[in-house]
């Protein structure tokens, strides 16, 4: 059952290793484009933490940003707006990556979903079990919204841990 938008504390989005590694090598980014090849958009609450999780078999949380907004842009417009913040070095790489994920050749007029993430931070991978991932993402393999309480249950965290 999907959690209503106003109750979502965070969102976990699945990404690939190339996008993560490219952007992680560029410290100090103010925002990034977490694109969706099929053109879908999202509607978490503005400012919601957006965790970045690598796809199987890596199953690792590798970063976080804060949801700003979600729109549809052509690949060309996304490139003009974000440039390398799309997670690739050239527009041709973005076209190739989108073509791979949609399963057919596309050109720079193809529309993608652009999720604006503010203040992205990338970190060393945090491994989570594939059983946890399967339970959590079974309803939507592209990612999903969650409450902090639900995430804590799935990860086996019963109380927040603070260091002195």
N, C-alpha and C. Protein backbone atom coordinates (compact mmCIF):
# COMPACT_ATOMS: atom_id res chain seq x y z
N UNK A 1 0.84 -1.18 0.00
CA UNK A 1 0.00 0.00 0.00
C UNK A 1 0.88 1.24 0.00
N UNK A 2 0.64 2.14 -0.93
CA UNK A 2 1.43 3.37 -1.05
C UNK A 2 1.03 4.35 0.06
N UNK A 3 2.03 4.99 0.64
CA UNK A 3 1.80 5.97 1.70
C UNK A 3 1.37 7.28 1.07
N UNK A 4 0.33 7.93 1.59
CA UNK A 4 -0.08 9.22 1.02
C UNK A 4 1.06 10.23 1.05
N UNK A 5 1.10 11.10 0.04
CA UNK A 5 2.18 12.06 -0.15
C UNK A 5 2.50 12.84 1.12
N UNK A 6 1.49 13.34 1.79
CA UNK A 6 1.71 14.20 2.96
C UNK A 6 2.31 13.44 4.14
N UNK A 7 2.31 12.10 4.10
CA UNK A 7 2.86 11.30 5.19
C UNK A 7 4.25 10.75 4.87
N UNK A 8 4.77 10.98 3.69
CA UNK A 8 6.07 10.44 3.32
C UNK A 8 7.18 11.24 3.97
N UNK A 9 8.03 10.54 4.70
CA UNK A 9 9.18 11.19 5.31
C UNK A 9 10.36 11.20 4.35
N UNK A 10 10.42 10.22 3.47
CA UNK A 10 11.54 10.12 2.55
C UNK A 10 11.14 9.29 1.34
N UNK A 11 12.02 9.28 0.36
CA UNK A 11 11.82 8.47 -0.84
C UNK A 11 13.13 7.76 -1.11
N UNK A 12 13.05 6.52 -1.56
CA UNK A 12 14.25 5.77 -1.96
C UNK A 12 14.15 5.55 -3.46
N UNK A 13 15.12 6.07 -4.19
CA UNK A 13 15.16 5.91 -5.64
C UNK A 13 16.28 4.99 -6.05
N UNK A 14 16.00 4.09 -6.98
CA UNK A 14 17.01 3.16 -7.48
C UNK A 14 17.79 3.80 -8.60
N UNK A 15 19.11 3.65 -8.55
CA UNK A 15 19.96 4.21 -9.58
C UNK A 15 21.00 3.19 -9.99
N UNK A 16 21.73 3.53 -11.04
CA UNK A 16 22.79 2.61 -11.47
C UNK A 16 24.15 3.10 -11.01
N UNK A 17 25.08 2.20 -11.05
CA UNK A 17 26.42 2.46 -10.54
C UNK A 17 27.14 3.55 -11.33
N UNK A 18 26.96 3.59 -12.65
CA UNK A 18 27.65 4.60 -13.45
C UNK A 18 27.21 6.01 -13.08
N UNK A 19 25.89 6.24 -12.92
CA UNK A 19 25.37 7.55 -12.52
C UNK A 19 25.96 7.97 -11.18
N UNK A 20 25.90 7.06 -10.22
CA UNK A 20 26.44 7.33 -8.88
C UNK A 20 27.93 7.64 -8.92
N UNK A 21 28.72 6.79 -9.56
CA UNK A 21 30.17 6.98 -9.55
C UNK A 21 30.57 8.26 -10.27
N UNK A 22 29.91 8.59 -11.37
CA UNK A 22 30.21 9.82 -12.10
C UNK A 22 29.97 11.04 -11.21
N UNK A 23 28.82 11.09 -10.56
CA UNK A 23 28.49 12.26 -9.74
C UNK A 23 29.27 12.29 -8.43
N UNK A 24 29.56 11.13 -7.86
CA UNK A 24 30.32 11.08 -6.60
C UNK A 24 31.73 11.64 -6.76
N UNK A 25 32.26 11.60 -7.99
CA UNK A 25 33.60 12.15 -8.26
C UNK A 25 33.59 13.68 -8.43
N UNK A 26 32.43 14.30 -8.28
CA UNK A 26 32.29 15.75 -8.47
C UNK A 26 31.76 16.38 -7.18
N UNK A 27 32.65 16.65 -6.24
CA UNK A 27 32.20 17.23 -4.96
C UNK A 27 31.65 18.64 -5.15
N UNK A 28 30.79 19.05 -4.25
CA UNK A 28 30.28 20.41 -4.25
C UNK A 28 29.13 20.68 -5.20
N UNK A 29 28.47 19.64 -5.71
CA UNK A 29 27.32 19.86 -6.59
C UNK A 29 26.17 20.47 -5.79
N UNK A 30 25.50 21.46 -6.36
CA UNK A 30 24.37 22.08 -5.68
C UNK A 30 23.07 21.32 -5.93
N UNK A 31 22.99 20.64 -7.07
CA UNK A 31 21.82 19.83 -7.41
C UNK A 31 22.20 18.81 -8.47
N UNK A 32 21.36 17.79 -8.61
CA UNK A 32 21.55 16.79 -9.67
C UNK A 32 20.18 16.44 -10.24
N UNK A 33 20.21 15.84 -11.42
CA UNK A 33 19.00 15.34 -12.05
C UNK A 33 18.93 13.83 -11.88
N UNK A 34 18.00 13.38 -11.07
CA UNK A 34 17.72 11.96 -10.94
C UNK A 34 16.65 11.65 -11.98
N UNK A 35 17.11 11.28 -13.19
CA UNK A 35 16.18 11.15 -14.32
C UNK A 35 15.50 9.79 -14.35
N UNK A 36 14.33 9.80 -14.97
CA UNK A 36 13.56 8.58 -15.18
C UNK A 36 13.38 8.41 -16.69
N UNK A 37 13.93 7.35 -17.27
CA UNK A 37 13.96 7.20 -18.73
C UNK A 37 12.60 7.16 -19.40
N UNK A 38 11.59 6.65 -18.73
CA UNK A 38 10.26 6.55 -19.33
C UNK A 38 9.44 7.83 -19.25
N UNK A 39 9.96 8.86 -18.60
CA UNK A 39 9.26 10.13 -18.53
C UNK A 39 8.40 10.31 -17.29
N UNK A 40 8.38 9.32 -16.41
CA UNK A 40 7.56 9.44 -15.21
C UNK A 40 8.09 10.49 -14.25
N UNK A 41 7.18 11.09 -13.52
CA UNK A 41 7.55 12.08 -12.51
C UNK A 41 7.14 11.56 -11.14
N UNK A 42 7.58 12.24 -10.11
CA UNK A 42 7.25 11.87 -8.73
C UNK A 42 6.62 13.05 -8.03
N UNK A 43 6.00 12.78 -6.88
CA UNK A 43 5.36 13.86 -6.15
C UNK A 43 5.56 13.74 -4.64
N UNK A 44 6.81 13.49 -4.16
CA UNK A 44 7.01 13.53 -2.71
C UNK A 44 6.85 14.98 -2.22
N UNK A 45 6.80 15.17 -0.94
CA UNK A 45 6.69 16.53 -0.44
C UNK A 45 8.01 17.27 -0.69
N UNK A 46 7.95 18.54 -1.04
CA UNK A 46 9.18 19.32 -1.24
C UNK A 46 10.06 19.28 0.01
N UNK A 47 11.35 19.10 -0.21
CA UNK A 47 12.31 19.02 0.89
C UNK A 47 12.47 17.64 1.48
N UNK A 48 11.68 16.66 1.03
CA UNK A 48 11.80 15.30 1.55
C UNK A 48 13.16 14.71 1.20
N UNK A 49 13.80 14.02 2.16
CA UNK A 49 15.05 13.33 1.83
C UNK A 49 14.79 12.28 0.76
N UNK A 50 15.71 12.18 -0.18
CA UNK A 50 15.61 11.26 -1.30
C UNK A 50 16.87 10.41 -1.28
N UNK A 51 16.76 9.19 -0.75
CA UNK A 51 17.92 8.30 -0.66
C UNK A 51 18.20 7.69 -2.03
N UNK A 52 19.47 7.52 -2.33
CA UNK A 52 19.91 6.95 -3.60
C UNK A 52 20.43 5.54 -3.33
N UNK A 53 19.80 4.56 -3.96
CA UNK A 53 20.16 3.16 -3.73
C UNK A 53 20.57 2.51 -5.05
N UNK A 54 21.71 1.85 -5.02
CA UNK A 54 22.16 1.11 -6.20
C UNK A 54 21.28 -0.11 -6.42
N UNK A 55 21.10 -0.43 -7.70
CA UNK A 55 20.29 -1.60 -8.07
C UNK A 55 21.01 -2.88 -7.69
N UNK A 56 20.26 -3.98 -7.67
CA UNK A 56 20.83 -5.30 -7.41
C UNK A 56 21.87 -5.60 -8.48
N UNK A 57 22.90 -6.31 -8.18
CA UNK A 57 23.12 -7.04 -6.93
C UNK A 57 23.82 -6.21 -5.85
N UNK A 58 24.13 -4.95 -6.10
CA UNK A 58 24.87 -4.15 -5.12
C UNK A 58 24.03 -3.76 -3.92
N UNK A 59 22.76 -3.40 -4.13
CA UNK A 59 21.83 -3.11 -3.03
C UNK A 59 22.45 -2.24 -1.94
N UNK A 60 22.93 -1.07 -2.34
CA UNK A 60 23.61 -0.20 -1.38
C UNK A 60 23.03 1.20 -1.43
N UNK A 61 22.86 1.80 -0.26
CA UNK A 61 22.49 3.21 -0.17
C UNK A 61 23.78 3.99 -0.39
N UNK A 62 23.79 4.87 -1.40
CA UNK A 62 25.03 5.55 -1.78
C UNK A 62 24.95 7.07 -1.72
N UNK A 63 23.82 7.59 -1.30
CA UNK A 63 23.73 9.03 -1.20
C UNK A 63 22.34 9.50 -0.84
N UNK A 64 22.24 10.82 -0.73
CA UNK A 64 20.96 11.46 -0.39
C UNK A 64 20.94 12.85 -1.00
N UNK A 65 19.77 13.26 -1.40
CA UNK A 65 19.52 14.63 -1.84
C UNK A 65 18.16 15.01 -1.29
N UNK A 66 17.72 16.21 -1.58
CA UNK A 66 16.43 16.66 -1.08
C UNK A 66 15.53 17.05 -2.24
N UNK A 67 14.36 16.42 -2.29
CA UNK A 67 13.44 16.61 -3.39
C UNK A 67 13.04 18.07 -3.52
N UNK A 68 13.20 18.60 -4.74
CA UNK A 68 12.74 19.96 -5.01
C UNK A 68 11.48 19.94 -5.85
N UNK A 69 11.57 19.32 -7.03
CA UNK A 69 10.41 19.21 -7.92
C UNK A 69 10.68 18.15 -8.97
N UNK A 70 9.65 17.83 -9.73
CA UNK A 70 9.75 16.81 -10.76
C UNK A 70 9.00 17.31 -11.99
N UNK A 71 9.66 17.25 -13.15
CA UNK A 71 9.08 17.72 -14.41
C UNK A 71 9.48 16.78 -15.53
N UNK A 72 8.86 16.97 -16.69
CA UNK A 72 9.26 16.24 -17.91
C UNK A 72 10.01 17.20 -18.81
N UNK A 73 11.19 16.79 -19.25
CA UNK A 73 11.99 17.55 -20.21
C UNK A 73 12.41 16.61 -21.33
N UNK A 74 12.65 17.18 -22.49
CA UNK A 74 13.33 16.39 -23.52
C UNK A 74 14.76 16.17 -23.04
N UNK A 75 15.42 15.15 -23.58
CA UNK A 75 16.82 14.92 -23.22
C UNK A 75 17.63 16.18 -23.51
N UNK A 76 17.36 16.82 -24.63
CA UNK A 76 18.09 18.05 -25.01
C UNK A 76 17.91 19.13 -23.95
N UNK A 77 16.67 19.36 -23.50
CA UNK A 77 16.42 20.39 -22.49
C UNK A 77 17.03 20.01 -21.14
N UNK A 78 16.96 18.72 -20.79
CA UNK A 78 17.59 18.27 -19.54
C UNK A 78 19.09 18.50 -19.60
N UNK A 79 19.69 18.26 -20.76
CA UNK A 79 21.12 18.49 -20.90
C UNK A 79 21.44 19.98 -20.79
N UNK A 80 20.66 20.80 -21.43
CA UNK A 80 20.91 22.26 -21.37
C UNK A 80 20.77 22.77 -19.95
N UNK A 81 19.84 22.24 -19.19
CA UNK A 81 19.61 22.71 -17.83
C UNK A 81 20.64 22.14 -16.85
N UNK A 82 20.89 20.83 -16.91
CA UNK A 82 21.73 20.17 -15.92
C UNK A 82 23.16 19.88 -16.39
N UNK A 83 23.38 19.71 -17.69
CA UNK A 83 24.72 19.33 -18.17
C UNK A 83 25.19 18.05 -17.50
N UNK A 84 26.43 18.07 -16.98
CA UNK A 84 27.01 16.88 -16.36
C UNK A 84 26.28 16.46 -15.07
N UNK A 85 25.42 17.31 -14.56
CA UNK A 85 24.64 16.94 -13.36
C UNK A 85 23.59 15.88 -13.69
N UNK A 86 23.51 15.49 -14.97
CA UNK A 86 22.69 14.35 -15.40
C UNK A 86 23.41 13.02 -15.13
N UNK A 87 24.67 13.08 -14.74
CA UNK A 87 25.41 11.87 -14.43
C UNK A 87 26.21 11.29 -15.58
N UNK A 88 26.38 12.07 -16.65
CA UNK A 88 27.19 11.65 -17.80
C UNK A 88 27.99 12.85 -18.30
N UNK A 89 29.03 12.56 -19.08
CA UNK A 89 29.94 13.61 -19.54
C UNK A 89 29.43 14.39 -20.75
N UNK A 90 28.66 13.73 -21.62
CA UNK A 90 28.19 14.37 -22.85
C UNK A 90 26.72 13.99 -23.09
N UNK A 91 26.03 14.81 -23.86
CA UNK A 91 24.63 14.52 -24.19
C UNK A 91 24.51 13.17 -24.91
N UNK A 92 25.52 12.81 -25.70
CA UNK A 92 25.46 11.52 -26.40
C UNK A 92 25.43 10.36 -25.39
N UNK A 93 26.12 10.52 -24.27
CA UNK A 93 26.08 9.50 -23.23
C UNK A 93 24.72 9.40 -22.58
N UNK A 94 24.04 10.55 -22.42
CA UNK A 94 22.70 10.54 -21.85
C UNK A 94 21.72 9.86 -22.80
N UNK A 95 21.82 10.17 -24.09
CA UNK A 95 20.95 9.52 -25.08
C UNK A 95 21.19 8.00 -25.07
N UNK A 96 22.45 7.59 -25.01
CA UNK A 96 22.78 6.16 -25.00
C UNK A 96 22.23 5.48 -23.75
N UNK A 97 22.38 6.12 -22.60
CA UNK A 97 21.90 5.52 -21.35
C UNK A 97 20.38 5.40 -21.36
N UNK A 98 19.69 6.46 -21.82
CA UNK A 98 18.22 6.41 -21.88
C UNK A 98 17.78 5.31 -22.85
N UNK A 99 18.44 5.22 -24.02
CA UNK A 99 18.11 4.18 -25.01
C UNK A 99 18.24 2.80 -24.39
N UNK A 100 19.29 2.59 -23.61
CA UNK A 100 19.51 1.30 -22.95
C UNK A 100 18.34 0.96 -22.02
N UNK A 101 17.91 1.92 -21.24
CA UNK A 101 16.86 1.64 -20.27
C UNK A 101 15.47 1.52 -20.86
N UNK A 102 15.18 2.23 -21.95
CA UNK A 102 13.86 2.08 -22.56
C UNK A 102 13.83 0.92 -23.54
N UNK A 103 14.99 0.37 -23.88
CA UNK A 103 15.06 -0.82 -24.72
C UNK A 103 14.91 -0.56 -26.21
N UNK A 104 15.15 0.68 -26.62
CA UNK A 104 15.10 1.02 -28.04
C UNK A 104 15.87 2.32 -28.25
N UNK A 105 16.31 2.56 -29.47
CA UNK A 105 17.02 3.81 -29.74
C UNK A 105 16.10 5.02 -29.57
N UNK A 106 16.61 6.07 -28.93
CA UNK A 106 15.89 7.34 -28.82
C UNK A 106 16.83 8.45 -29.28
N UNK A 107 16.26 9.63 -29.50
CA UNK A 107 17.11 10.78 -29.82
C UNK A 107 16.92 11.84 -28.73
N UNK A 108 17.53 13.00 -28.92
CA UNK A 108 17.50 14.00 -27.86
C UNK A 108 16.15 14.69 -27.68
N UNK A 109 15.15 14.31 -28.49
CA UNK A 109 13.79 14.83 -28.31
C UNK A 109 12.96 13.97 -27.36
N UNK A 110 13.46 12.78 -27.03
CA UNK A 110 12.76 11.87 -26.13
C UNK A 110 12.57 12.55 -24.77
N UNK A 111 11.36 12.44 -24.20
CA UNK A 111 11.09 13.05 -22.90
C UNK A 111 11.42 12.10 -21.76
N UNK A 112 12.06 12.67 -20.75
CA UNK A 112 12.42 11.92 -19.54
C UNK A 112 11.83 12.65 -18.33
N UNK A 113 11.64 11.91 -17.26
CA UNK A 113 11.26 12.53 -16.00
C UNK A 113 12.51 13.07 -15.35
N UNK A 114 12.47 14.32 -14.92
CA UNK A 114 13.62 14.97 -14.27
C UNK A 114 13.24 15.28 -12.84
N UNK A 115 13.94 14.66 -11.92
CA UNK A 115 13.70 14.88 -10.51
C UNK A 115 14.84 15.73 -9.98
N UNK A 116 14.53 16.96 -9.63
CA UNK A 116 15.53 17.90 -9.13
C UNK A 116 15.84 17.53 -7.68
N UNK A 117 17.10 17.20 -7.42
CA UNK A 117 17.54 16.89 -6.06
C UNK A 117 18.54 17.94 -5.62
N UNK A 118 18.21 18.66 -4.56
CA UNK A 118 19.10 19.68 -3.99
C UNK A 118 20.10 19.06 -3.03
N UNK A 119 21.24 19.72 -2.89
CA UNK A 119 22.26 19.37 -1.91
C UNK A 119 22.60 17.89 -1.89
N UNK A 120 22.93 17.32 -3.05
CA UNK A 120 23.25 15.89 -3.06
C UNK A 120 24.55 15.60 -2.31
N UNK A 121 24.53 14.49 -1.59
CA UNK A 121 25.70 14.01 -0.89
C UNK A 121 25.86 12.54 -1.25
N UNK A 122 27.05 12.17 -1.64
CA UNK A 122 27.34 10.78 -2.01
C UNK A 122 28.30 10.21 -0.99
N UNK A 123 28.12 8.94 -0.63
CA UNK A 123 28.98 8.32 0.37
C UNK A 123 29.28 6.87 0.04
N UNK A 124 30.13 6.29 0.86
CA UNK A 124 30.52 4.89 0.70
C UNK A 124 29.27 4.05 0.82
N UNK A 125 29.20 3.01 0.01
CA UNK A 125 28.00 2.18 -0.04
C UNK A 125 27.68 1.52 1.30
N UNK A 126 26.39 1.60 1.67
CA UNK A 126 25.86 0.93 2.84
C UNK A 126 25.08 -0.28 2.34
N UNK A 127 25.60 -1.46 2.59
CA UNK A 127 24.99 -2.70 2.08
C UNK A 127 23.72 -3.03 2.85
N UNK A 128 22.64 -3.32 2.11
CA UNK A 128 21.43 -3.84 2.74
C UNK A 128 21.06 -5.13 2.04
N UNK A 129 20.41 -6.01 2.75
CA UNK A 129 20.16 -7.34 2.20
C UNK A 129 19.17 -7.30 1.05
N UNK A 130 19.30 -8.26 0.14
CA UNK A 130 18.36 -8.32 -0.97
C UNK A 130 16.97 -8.71 -0.48
N UNK A 131 16.87 -9.46 0.62
CA UNK A 131 15.56 -9.80 1.17
C UNK A 131 14.84 -8.53 1.63
N UNK A 132 15.57 -7.64 2.30
CA UNK A 132 15.00 -6.36 2.72
C UNK A 132 14.58 -5.56 1.51
N UNK A 133 15.43 -5.51 0.51
CA UNK A 133 15.12 -4.75 -0.70
C UNK A 133 13.88 -5.31 -1.39
N UNK A 134 13.79 -6.63 -1.52
CA UNK A 134 12.64 -7.24 -2.18
C UNK A 134 11.35 -6.92 -1.44
N UNK A 135 11.38 -7.00 -0.12
CA UNK A 135 10.18 -6.68 0.66
C UNK A 135 9.79 -5.22 0.48
N UNK A 136 10.76 -4.34 0.53
CA UNK A 136 10.47 -2.91 0.48
C UNK A 136 10.04 -2.43 -0.90
N UNK A 137 10.66 -2.95 -1.94
CA UNK A 137 10.40 -2.45 -3.28
C UNK A 137 9.48 -3.33 -4.10
N UNK A 138 8.86 -4.33 -3.48
CA UNK A 138 8.05 -5.27 -4.24
C UNK A 138 6.92 -4.59 -5.01
N UNK A 139 6.37 -3.51 -4.49
CA UNK A 139 5.25 -2.84 -5.17
C UNK A 139 5.71 -1.96 -6.32
N UNK A 140 6.95 -1.49 -6.29
CA UNK A 140 7.44 -0.58 -7.32
C UNK A 140 8.94 -0.70 -7.46
N UNK A 141 9.44 -1.39 -8.49
CA UNK A 141 10.88 -1.62 -8.61
C UNK A 141 11.68 -0.37 -8.95
N UNK A 142 11.05 0.77 -9.25
CA UNK A 142 11.79 2.00 -9.54
C UNK A 142 12.07 2.81 -8.29
N UNK A 143 11.44 2.47 -7.18
CA UNK A 143 11.61 3.21 -5.94
C UNK A 143 10.27 3.42 -5.30
N UNK A 144 10.27 3.96 -4.09
CA UNK A 144 9.01 4.21 -3.42
C UNK A 144 9.18 5.12 -2.23
N UNK A 145 8.07 5.70 -1.80
CA UNK A 145 8.06 6.56 -0.62
C UNK A 145 7.93 5.71 0.63
N UNK A 146 8.35 6.27 1.75
CA UNK A 146 8.27 5.53 3.00
C UNK A 146 8.28 6.49 4.17
N UNK A 147 7.81 5.99 5.30
CA UNK A 147 7.95 6.74 6.54
C UNK A 147 9.27 6.30 7.18
N UNK A 148 9.80 7.14 8.02
CA UNK A 148 11.02 6.79 8.75
C UNK A 148 10.79 5.53 9.57
N UNK A 149 9.63 5.42 10.20
CA UNK A 149 9.31 4.25 11.04
C UNK A 149 9.36 2.96 10.22
N UNK A 150 8.77 2.98 9.00
CA UNK A 150 8.77 1.79 8.15
C UNK A 150 10.19 1.43 7.74
N UNK A 151 10.99 2.41 7.37
CA UNK A 151 12.37 2.16 6.98
C UNK A 151 13.15 1.57 8.15
N UNK A 152 12.95 2.09 9.34
CA UNK A 152 13.64 1.55 10.52
C UNK A 152 13.27 0.08 10.74
N UNK A 153 11.98 -0.25 10.58
CA UNK A 153 11.55 -1.65 10.74
C UNK A 153 12.23 -2.55 9.72
N UNK A 154 12.25 -2.11 8.45
CA UNK A 154 12.83 -2.94 7.40
C UNK A 154 14.33 -3.13 7.57
N UNK A 155 15.01 -2.13 8.09
CA UNK A 155 16.46 -2.22 8.28
C UNK A 155 16.82 -2.81 9.63
N UNK A 156 15.82 -3.09 10.47
CA UNK A 156 16.09 -3.69 11.77
C UNK A 156 16.59 -2.69 12.79
N UNK A 157 16.29 -1.43 12.63
CA UNK A 157 16.71 -0.40 13.58
C UNK A 157 15.52 -0.10 14.47
N UNK A 158 15.69 -0.29 15.77
CA UNK A 158 14.57 -0.05 16.67
C UNK A 158 14.62 1.32 17.32
N UNK A 159 15.81 1.85 17.57
CA UNK A 159 15.95 3.19 18.15
C UNK A 159 17.01 3.95 17.37
N UNK A 160 16.82 5.27 17.24
CA UNK A 160 17.89 6.04 16.59
C UNK A 160 19.17 5.94 17.42
N UNK A 161 20.29 5.89 16.73
CA UNK A 161 21.58 5.82 17.40
C UNK A 161 22.30 7.13 17.21
N UNK A 162 22.64 7.77 18.32
CA UNK A 162 23.35 9.05 18.27
C UNK A 162 24.71 8.87 18.92
N UNK A 163 25.69 9.53 18.36
CA UNK A 163 27.02 9.45 18.97
C UNK A 163 27.27 10.72 19.74
N UNK A 164 27.95 10.60 20.86
CA UNK A 164 28.22 11.76 21.72
C UNK A 164 29.41 12.55 21.22
